[in-house]
Amino acid sequence: MEKTNFISENQELEEDIHISCDHSYEADKIAANAFMSRGLKSPPNPEENNASLYDYACCQLGNYDWLKDIEHHCCGEKHLVEVRFKNGNKDFFNLPLSNERYEVGDIVVVEAATGNDIGIVSMTGHQVKLKLKNLDVKAVTRKVYHKARANDIEKWITLVNSENETMMKSRYAAWDLKLNMKVNDVEYQGDGSKAIFYYSADERVDFRELIKILAEKFRIRIEMRQIGVRQEASRLGGIGSCGRELCCSSWLRHFKSVNTGTAKTQQLSLNPQKLAGQCGKLKCCLNYEHEAYIEELKKFPSTQTILYTDKGDAACHKIDIFKKLMWYYYKNDYSHSLYAIPTEKVLEIIAINKKTQKVESLEKYAEINQAKENELEVNIDDLKKIND
């Protein structure tokens, strides 16, 4: 079906494209709740107290209050709260000078750069003080105006439910302008005066014309924020090859550069299909144990060292850091046999070679013999694509 141009004909979203796919019960349940990304188990009810809907398990970097059962502790920060917005965006605010009690899960109207925004209280009390100290926040300047009223929540619900449609229409506008970019997400400000469009692009994009079109279409102020492919994956979420939720979606907030040298250090096969995560870049988890591998490798002799035996010279093929084994093969042996030799015995052979003497054979020192595996053909271009 040919896609129509919504800029010129102002067609509705349903007429632009039709996509059919299978959905599971859980997927439909999550898709039906647009407030899941804000930490609510279900959409709020304007006429009720919605504090019970907030679930820290729905949140990236959710905070469980281990002090909630302690009614009085001397070092609490009663006048400060942490407020959560969409996709783990959080900030600290001063509470108004009143006797009104604020609890985790309360929907509040807060001060924004321009106008006001709506968020959910995600942390109160002593935890706020600890987090401010951990983040080295010197001062909190913005404030909470009041708890959201029924009309505030009704307007907020309308805006949140329209975010997905706004995102899709902005994508069509970018396609019509032939811009090499992808709009990943849209976040409306609570008062409806502003929307943040998150996009990813491989190169610099001139989106001035796009902003004019979106501002005219939606009658709001537009802010464009570029995010990388890793941030895009964290916003979309998913399950990694380890079977667990993506680190970037659950707890990882700061991304460190990962390169193929990290994989080489850990003796991993340079297979782009196994090394790349769902974002298409090298998996962040390759960095987790990198320093431990470097420390362990200091205990191994150089892999460039040649072992001299009566059967011929032997070169190192690979090492097993955890089992402390080094795999060697004879250079003149075309049977592709590998010999796993413990590190201490390799050092013993090297010490004998330094005395200009040769050992009898590798078999005498080896614990395991096996056939040499065929080397995987690595496409350098594929490795460059996933490298940071």
Protein backbone atom coordinates (compact mmCIF):
# COMPACT_ATOMS: atom_id res chain seq x y z
CA MET A 1 0.00 0.00 0.00
CA GLU A 2 1.49 3.34 -1.02
CA LYS A 3 2.24 5.67 1.87
CA THR A 4 0.54 9.03 1.62
CA ASN A 5 2.19 12.34 2.44
CA PHE A 6 0.71 13.64 5.69
CA ILE A 7 2.34 17.05 5.19
CA SER A 8 0.34 17.87 2.09
CA GLU A 9 -2.80 15.81 2.60
CA ASN A 10 -2.95 15.74 6.41
CA GLN A 11 -3.92 12.05 6.41
CA GLU A 12 -4.54 10.25 9.67
CA LEU A 13 -2.08 7.74 11.10
CA GLU A 14 -4.28 4.72 10.34
CA GLU A 15 -4.29 5.52 6.61
CA ASP A 16 -0.51 5.83 6.37
CA ILE A 17 0.58 2.32 7.10
CA HIS A 18 -0.84 -1.02 8.22
CA ILE A 19 1.36 -3.42 10.15
CA SER A 20 0.20 -6.89 11.20
CA CYS A 21 2.10 -9.09 13.63
CA ASP A 22 1.46 -11.66 16.33
CA HIS A 23 1.18 -10.43 19.91
CA SER A 24 1.48 -12.31 23.17
CA TYR A 25 -0.79 -11.62 26.12
CA GLU A 26 2.05 -9.96 28.06
CA ALA A 27 3.07 -7.82 25.07
CA ASP A 28 -0.51 -6.61 24.62
CA LYS A 29 -0.76 -5.89 28.34
CA ILE A 30 2.39 -3.77 28.31
CA ALA A 31 1.43 -1.96 25.10
CA ALA A 32 -1.99 -1.10 26.56
CA ASN A 33 -0.36 0.72 29.50
CA ALA A 34 1.37 3.85 28.22
CA PHE A 35 2.31 4.71 31.83
CA MET A 36 4.53 1.65 32.28
CA SER A 37 7.52 3.76 31.17
CA ARG A 38 6.72 6.12 34.05
CA GLY A 39 6.52 3.39 36.68
CA LEU A 40 2.76 2.89 36.98
CA LYS A 41 1.26 -0.59 36.84
CA SER A 42 -1.88 0.80 35.17
CA PRO A 43 -3.16 4.17 33.94
CA PRO A 44 -4.05 6.56 36.81
CA ASN A 45 -7.59 7.44 37.83
CA PRO A 46 -8.13 11.23 38.17
CA GLU A 47 -10.71 10.73 40.94
CA GLU A 48 -8.61 8.44 43.17
CA ASN A 49 -5.32 8.32 45.05
CA ASN A 50 -2.91 6.63 42.62
CA ALA A 51 0.04 6.13 44.97
CA SER A 52 -0.60 2.38 45.09
CA LEU A 53 -0.12 2.11 41.31
CA TYR A 54 3.55 3.06 41.51
CA ASP A 55 5.88 0.07 41.44
CA TYR A 56 9.63 0.48 41.72
CA ALA A 57 10.03 -2.80 39.79
CA CYS A 58 8.64 -1.07 36.70
CA CYS A 59 11.39 1.54 36.81
CA GLN A 60 14.89 1.75 35.51
CA LEU A 61 17.14 2.13 38.54
CA GLY A 62 14.12 1.76 40.81
CA ASN A 63 14.75 2.57 44.46
CA TYR A 64 13.33 0.37 47.19
CA ASP A 65 13.00 2.20 50.48
CA TRP A 66 14.50 -0.10 53.09
CA LEU A 67 13.78 2.53 55.77
CA LYS A 68 10.05 2.77 55.11
CA ASP A 69 9.15 0.81 58.28
CA ILE A 70 11.20 3.16 60.46
CA GLU A 71 8.85 5.99 61.31
CA HIS A 72 11.36 8.40 62.83
CA HIS A 73 15.01 8.65 61.94
CA CYS A 74 17.03 11.68 62.81
CA CYS A 75 18.73 12.35 59.49
CA GLY A 76 15.76 12.49 57.13
CA GLU A 77 15.44 15.06 54.36
CA LYS A 78 11.75 15.89 54.77
CA HIS A 79 11.75 18.90 52.45
CA LEU A 80 13.28 17.16 49.39
CA VAL A 81 11.90 14.49 47.08
CA GLU A 82 13.01 12.75 43.91
CA VAL A 83 10.47 12.90 41.07
CA ARG A 84 10.43 10.46 38.18
CA PHE A 85 9.39 11.20 34.62
CA LYS A 86 9.43 9.06 31.47
CA ASN A 87 12.05 6.34 30.87
CA GLY A 88 14.00 6.79 34.06
CA ASN A 89 14.43 10.57 33.85
CA LYS A 90 14.60 11.81 37.43
CA ASP A 91 15.29 15.06 39.24
CA PHE A 92 15.20 16.48 42.76
CA PHE A 93 12.70 19.07 43.94
CA ASN A 94 11.91 21.11 47.04
CA LEU A 95 8.55 20.44 48.67
CA PRO A 96 6.16 23.35 49.32
CA LEU A 97 6.04 24.83 52.81
CA SER A 98 2.84 23.15 53.97
CA ASN A 99 1.71 20.36 56.26
CA GLU A 100 0.64 18.19 53.33
CA ARG A 101 2.31 14.76 53.37
CA TYR A 102 4.01 13.50 50.22
CA GLU A 103 4.64 9.79 49.68
CA VAL A 104 6.23 7.62 47.01
CA GLY A 105 3.77 7.22 44.14
CA ASP A 106 2.10 10.61 44.49
CA ILE A 107 1.53 12.37 41.17
CA VAL A 108 2.79 15.95 41.51
CA VAL A 109 2.98 19.15 39.49
CA VAL A 110 6.56 20.43 39.45
CA GLU A 111 8.47 23.41 38.17
CA ALA A 112 9.96 23.07 34.66
CA ALA A 113 12.35 25.26 32.66
CA THR A 114 9.26 26.84 31.11
CA GLY A 115 5.80 26.16 32.48
CA ASN A 116 5.20 23.12 34.65
CA ASP A 117 5.53 19.36 34.33
CA ILE A 118 3.91 16.32 35.93
CA GLY A 119 5.89 13.51 37.51
CA ILE A 120 5.68 10.83 40.17
CA VAL A 121 7.43 10.96 43.53
CA SER A 122 9.94 8.10 43.50
CA MET A 123 11.98 8.76 46.63
CA THR A 124 11.55 10.56 49.93
CA GLY A 125 13.27 10.86 53.28
CA HIS A 126 16.83 9.83 54.13
CA GLN A 127 17.33 8.09 50.77
CA VAL A 128 17.17 11.48 49.05
CA LYS A 129 20.01 12.78 51.21
CA LEU A 130 22.15 9.74 50.42
CA LYS A 131 21.53 10.00 46.69
CA LEU A 132 22.26 13.74 46.62
CA LYS A 133 25.58 13.00 48.30
CA ASN A 134 26.33 10.14 45.91
CA LEU A 135 25.57 12.30 42.84
CA ASP A 136 27.43 15.27 44.35
CA VAL A 137 24.43 17.58 43.94
CA LYS A 138 25.22 20.83 45.74
CA ALA A 139 21.84 22.54 45.62
CA VAL A 140 18.24 21.83 44.61
CA THR A 141 16.57 24.89 43.09
CA ARG A 142 13.33 23.69 41.50
CA LYS A 143 10.21 22.98 43.52
CA VAL A 144 7.04 20.94 43.71
CA TYR A 145 3.97 23.14 43.30
CA HIS A 146 1.30 20.77 44.60
CA LYS A 147 -0.21 17.31 44.17
CA ALA A 148 -1.81 16.85 40.78
CA ARG A 149 -5.52 17.61 40.73
CA ALA A 150 -8.14 15.71 38.74
CA ASN A 151 -7.98 18.11 35.76
CA ASP A 152 -4.16 17.94 35.76
CA ILE A 153 -4.22 14.12 35.64
CA GLU A 154 -6.91 14.07 32.93
CA LYS A 155 -4.82 16.34 30.72
CA TRP A 156 -1.70 14.28 31.49
CA ILE A 157 -3.45 11.04 30.51
CA THR A 158 -4.50 12.55 27.17
CA LEU A 159 -0.96 13.73 26.44
CA VAL A 160 0.69 10.43 27.39
CA ASN A 161 -1.76 8.42 25.27
CA SER A 162 -1.01 10.61 22.25
CA GLU A 163 2.80 10.25 22.47
CA ASN A 164 3.00 7.12 20.30
CA GLU A 165 0.84 8.62 17.56
CA THR A 166 2.89 11.82 17.66
CA MET A 167 6.08 9.79 17.32
CA MET A 168 4.79 7.91 14.26
CA LYS A 169 3.60 11.07 12.52
CA SER A 170 6.95 12.75 13.17
CA ARG A 171 8.66 9.73 11.58
CA TYR A 172 6.54 10.10 8.46
CA ALA A 173 7.38 13.80 8.32
CA ALA A 174 11.11 12.97 8.52
CA TRP A 175 10.72 10.37 5.76
CA ASP A 176 8.88 12.84 3.53
CA LEU A 177 11.72 15.33 4.01
CA LYS A 178 14.22 12.51 3.24
CA LEU A 179 16.08 13.10 6.50
CA ASN A 180 18.51 10.37 7.50
CA MET A 181 17.25 10.09 11.06
CA LYS A 182 14.89 8.02 13.20
CA VAL A 183 12.55 9.44 15.82
CA ASN A 184 12.71 6.96 18.71
CA ASP A 185 10.47 8.47 21.33
CA VAL A 186 8.35 11.49 22.26
CA GLU A 187 7.80 12.91 25.74
CA TYR A 188 5.17 15.59 26.36
CA GLN A 189 5.61 18.09 29.16
CA GLY A 190 2.83 17.84 31.73
CA ASP A 191 1.17 21.14 30.78
CA GLY A 192 1.15 20.24 27.07
CA SER A 193 3.19 23.28 26.03
CA LYS A 194 6.29 21.38 24.94
CA ALA A 195 7.35 18.00 23.56
CA ILE A 196 10.81 16.42 23.48
CA PHE A 197 11.56 14.34 20.37
CA TYR A 198 14.38 11.83 20.86
CA TYR A 199 16.08 10.78 17.62
CA SER A 200 19.12 8.84 16.45
CA ALA A 201 21.19 9.54 13.34
CA ASP A 202 24.53 8.41 11.95
CA GLU A 203 25.51 11.92 10.89
CA ARG A 204 24.57 15.55 11.41
CA VAL A 205 20.96 16.27 10.41
CA ASP A 206 19.46 19.63 9.45
CA PHE A 207 15.98 19.29 10.97
CA ARG A 208 14.99 22.97 10.96
CA GLU A 209 12.27 22.36 8.38
CA LEU A 210 11.06 19.35 10.36
CA ILE A 211 10.72 21.48 13.52
CA LYS A 212 8.62 24.02 11.63
CA ILE A 213 6.30 21.29 10.35
CA LEU A 214 5.95 19.61 13.76
CA ALA A 215 5.33 22.92 15.55
CA GLU A 216 2.62 23.83 13.02
CA LYS A 217 1.11 20.34 13.18
CA PHE A 218 0.95 19.92 16.96
CA ARG A 219 0.87 23.58 18.09
CA ILE A 220 3.58 23.09 20.72
CA ARG A 221 7.21 24.00 21.30
CA ILE A 222 9.57 21.37 19.90
CA GLU A 223 12.85 20.20 21.41
CA MET A 224 15.02 17.72 19.52
CA ARG A 225 17.47 15.55 21.47
CA GLN A 226 19.89 13.21 19.74
CA ILE A 227 20.63 9.88 21.39
CA GLY A 228 23.04 7.10 20.40
CA VAL A 229 22.16 3.55 19.42
CA ARG A 230 22.94 2.36 22.95
CA GLN A 231 20.51 4.88 24.45
CA GLU A 232 17.94 3.84 21.85
CA ALA A 233 18.24 0.20 22.92
CA SER A 234 17.88 1.20 26.57
CA ARG A 235 14.64 3.04 25.83
CA LEU A 236 13.21 0.17 23.77
CA GLY A 237 14.31 -2.55 26.21
CA GLY A 238 14.55 -6.27 25.52
CA ILE A 239 16.14 -9.55 26.60
CA GLY A 240 19.85 -10.13 26.03
CA SER A 241 21.58 -13.31 24.89
CA CYS A 242 22.21 -14.09 28.57
CA GLY A 243 18.46 -14.45 29.07
CA ARG A 244 18.15 -11.41 31.33
CA GLU A 245 16.78 -7.91 30.77
CA LEU A 246 19.20 -5.60 28.98
CA CYS A 247 21.59 -3.93 31.41
CA CYS A 248 20.98 -0.55 29.78
CA SER A 249 17.23 -0.95 30.36
CA SER A 250 17.46 -2.07 33.97
CA TRP A 251 20.40 -0.40 35.73
CA LEU A 252 23.20 0.81 33.44
CA ARG A 253 23.11 4.57 32.95
CA HIS A 254 26.63 5.56 31.87
CA PHE A 255 28.02 3.92 28.74
CA LYS A 256 31.76 3.31 28.43
CA SER A 257 33.52 2.80 25.13
CA VAL A 258 33.92 -0.86 24.12
CA ASN A 259 36.35 -1.94 21.40
CA THR A 260 37.48 -5.19 19.86
CA GLY A 261 40.67 -5.07 21.94
CA THR A 262 38.49 -5.88 24.96
CA ALA A 263 37.24 -9.05 23.24
CA LYS A 264 40.79 -10.04 22.28
CA THR A 265 41.95 -9.63 25.86
CA GLN A 266 39.26 -12.08 26.97
CA GLN A 267 40.28 -14.57 24.25
CA LEU A 268 36.89 -14.32 22.54
CA SER A 269 36.29 -15.21 18.93
CA LEU A 270 35.89 -12.03 16.86
CA ASN A 271 32.48 -13.01 15.61
CA PRO A 272 30.31 -9.88 15.15
CA GLN A 273 27.10 -11.89 15.54
CA LYS A 274 28.13 -13.04 19.03
CA LEU A 275 29.89 -9.89 20.21
CA ALA A 276 27.19 -7.39 19.19
CA GLY A 277 24.25 -6.57 21.41
CA GLN A 278 20.76 -5.58 20.34
CA CYS A 279 21.98 -2.05 19.67
CA GLY A 280 24.34 -3.37 16.98
CA LYS A 281 27.44 -2.33 18.96
CA LEU A 282 29.78 -4.39 21.13
CA LYS A 283 28.08 -5.66 24.29
CA CYS A 284 28.59 -3.42 27.31
CA CYS A 285 29.17 -6.50 29.48
CA LEU A 286 32.52 -7.06 27.79
CA ASN A 287 33.83 -4.27 30.02
CA TYR A 288 32.64 -5.78 33.28
CA GLU A 289 35.49 -8.27 33.74
CA HIS A 290 38.06 -6.61 31.49
CA GLU A 291 40.27 -5.39 34.35
CA ALA A 292 40.17 -8.81 36.00
CA TYR A 293 41.38 -10.41 32.77
CA ILE A 294 44.22 -7.89 32.48
CA GLU A 295 45.36 -8.68 36.04
CA GLU A 296 45.26 -12.43 35.40
CA LEU A 297 47.12 -12.11 32.08
CA LYS A 298 50.07 -10.58 33.94
CA LYS A 299 50.65 -14.03 35.47
CA PHE A 300 50.97 -15.66 32.03
CA PRO A 301 54.11 -15.71 29.89
CA SER A 302 53.95 -13.85 26.58
CA THR A 303 51.96 -15.63 23.88
CA GLN A 304 54.67 -14.56 21.41
CA THR A 305 57.25 -16.79 23.12
CA ILE A 306 58.24 -19.84 21.06
CA LEU A 307 58.81 -23.17 22.82
CA TYR A 308 61.69 -25.26 21.46
CA THR A 309 61.35 -29.06 21.52
CA ASP A 310 63.08 -31.99 19.86
CA LYS A 311 59.94 -32.50 17.72
CA GLY A 312 59.98 -28.91 16.51
CA ASP A 313 59.20 -25.33 17.49
CA ALA A 314 55.82 -24.70 19.11
CA ALA A 315 53.71 -21.53 19.08
CA CYS A 316 50.85 -20.46 21.31
CA HIS A 317 47.38 -20.70 19.77
CA LYS A 318 45.15 -19.59 22.66
CA ILE A 319 44.99 -19.47 26.44
CA ASP A 320 42.39 -20.38 29.05
CA ILE A 321 42.69 -17.84 31.83
CA PHE A 322 40.41 -19.57 34.32
CA LYS A 323 41.97 -23.03 33.94
CA LYS A 324 45.44 -21.47 33.62
CA LEU A 325 46.17 -23.44 30.46
CA MET A 326 48.05 -22.41 27.32
CA TRP A 327 47.36 -24.22 24.05
CA TYR A 328 50.36 -24.84 21.79
CA TYR A 329 50.88 -26.48 18.40
CA TYR A 330 53.91 -27.58 16.40
CA LYS A 331 54.72 -25.25 13.51
CA ASN A 332 55.85 -28.16 11.36
CA ASP A 333 52.88 -30.38 12.25
CA TYR A 334 50.03 -30.22 9.74
CA SER A 335 47.74 -32.49 11.75
CA HIS A 336 46.53 -29.38 13.59
CA SER A 337 46.90 -30.93 17.03
CA LEU A 338 46.74 -28.66 20.07
CA TYR A 339 48.37 -29.33 23.44
CA ALA A 340 47.02 -27.72 26.63
CA ILE A 341 49.92 -27.06 28.99
CA PRO A 342 49.56 -25.59 32.51
CA THR A 343 51.13 -22.16 32.98
CA GLU A 344 53.73 -23.31 35.50
CA LYS A 345 54.94 -26.00 33.08
CA VAL A 346 55.18 -23.49 30.27
CA LEU A 347 57.38 -21.34 32.49
CA GLU A 348 59.44 -24.44 33.20
CA ILE A 349 59.94 -25.10 29.47
CA ILE A 350 60.87 -21.43 28.87
CA ALA A 351 63.47 -21.65 31.68
CA ILE A 352 64.98 -24.75 30.04
CA ASN A 353 65.04 -23.04 26.62
CA LYS A 354 66.89 -20.05 28.12
CA LYS A 355 69.69 -22.48 28.96
CA THR A 356 69.86 -23.22 25.19
CA GLN A 357 68.34 -26.63 25.83
CA LYS A 358 65.28 -28.24 24.26
CA VAL A 359 62.61 -30.32 25.93
CA GLU A 360 61.62 -33.70 24.57
CA SER A 361 58.08 -32.88 23.39
CA LEU A 362 54.89 -30.98 24.26
CA GLU A 363 53.08 -34.26 24.90
CA LYS A 364 55.19 -34.80 27.98
CA TYR A 365 53.80 -31.64 29.60
CA ALA A 366 50.31 -31.47 28.10
CA GLU A 367 47.13 -32.22 30.05
CA ILE A 368 44.77 -32.17 27.05
CA ASN A 369 45.28 -32.89 23.36
CA GLN A 370 42.73 -31.93 20.75
CA ALA A 371 42.43 -31.08 17.08
CA LYS A 372 42.99 -27.44 16.16
CA GLU A 373 39.75 -25.65 15.35
CA ASN A 374 39.34 -23.95 12.02
CA GLU A 375 39.82 -20.21 12.28
CA LEU A 376 36.68 -18.16 11.71
CA GLU A 377 36.93 -15.82 8.77
CA VAL A 378 36.48 -12.34 10.20
CA ASN A 379 35.07 -9.53 8.09
CA ILE A 380 36.99 -6.41 9.12
CA ASP A 381 34.19 -4.14 7.90
CA ASP A 382 31.70 -5.94 10.16
CA LEU A 383 34.00 -5.48 13.16
CA LYS A 384 34.37 -1.76 12.43
CA LYS A 385 30.58 -1.35 12.43
CA ILE A 386 30.18 -2.72 15.95
CA ASN A 387 33.29 -1.02 17.34
CA ASP A 388 32.82 2.22 19.32
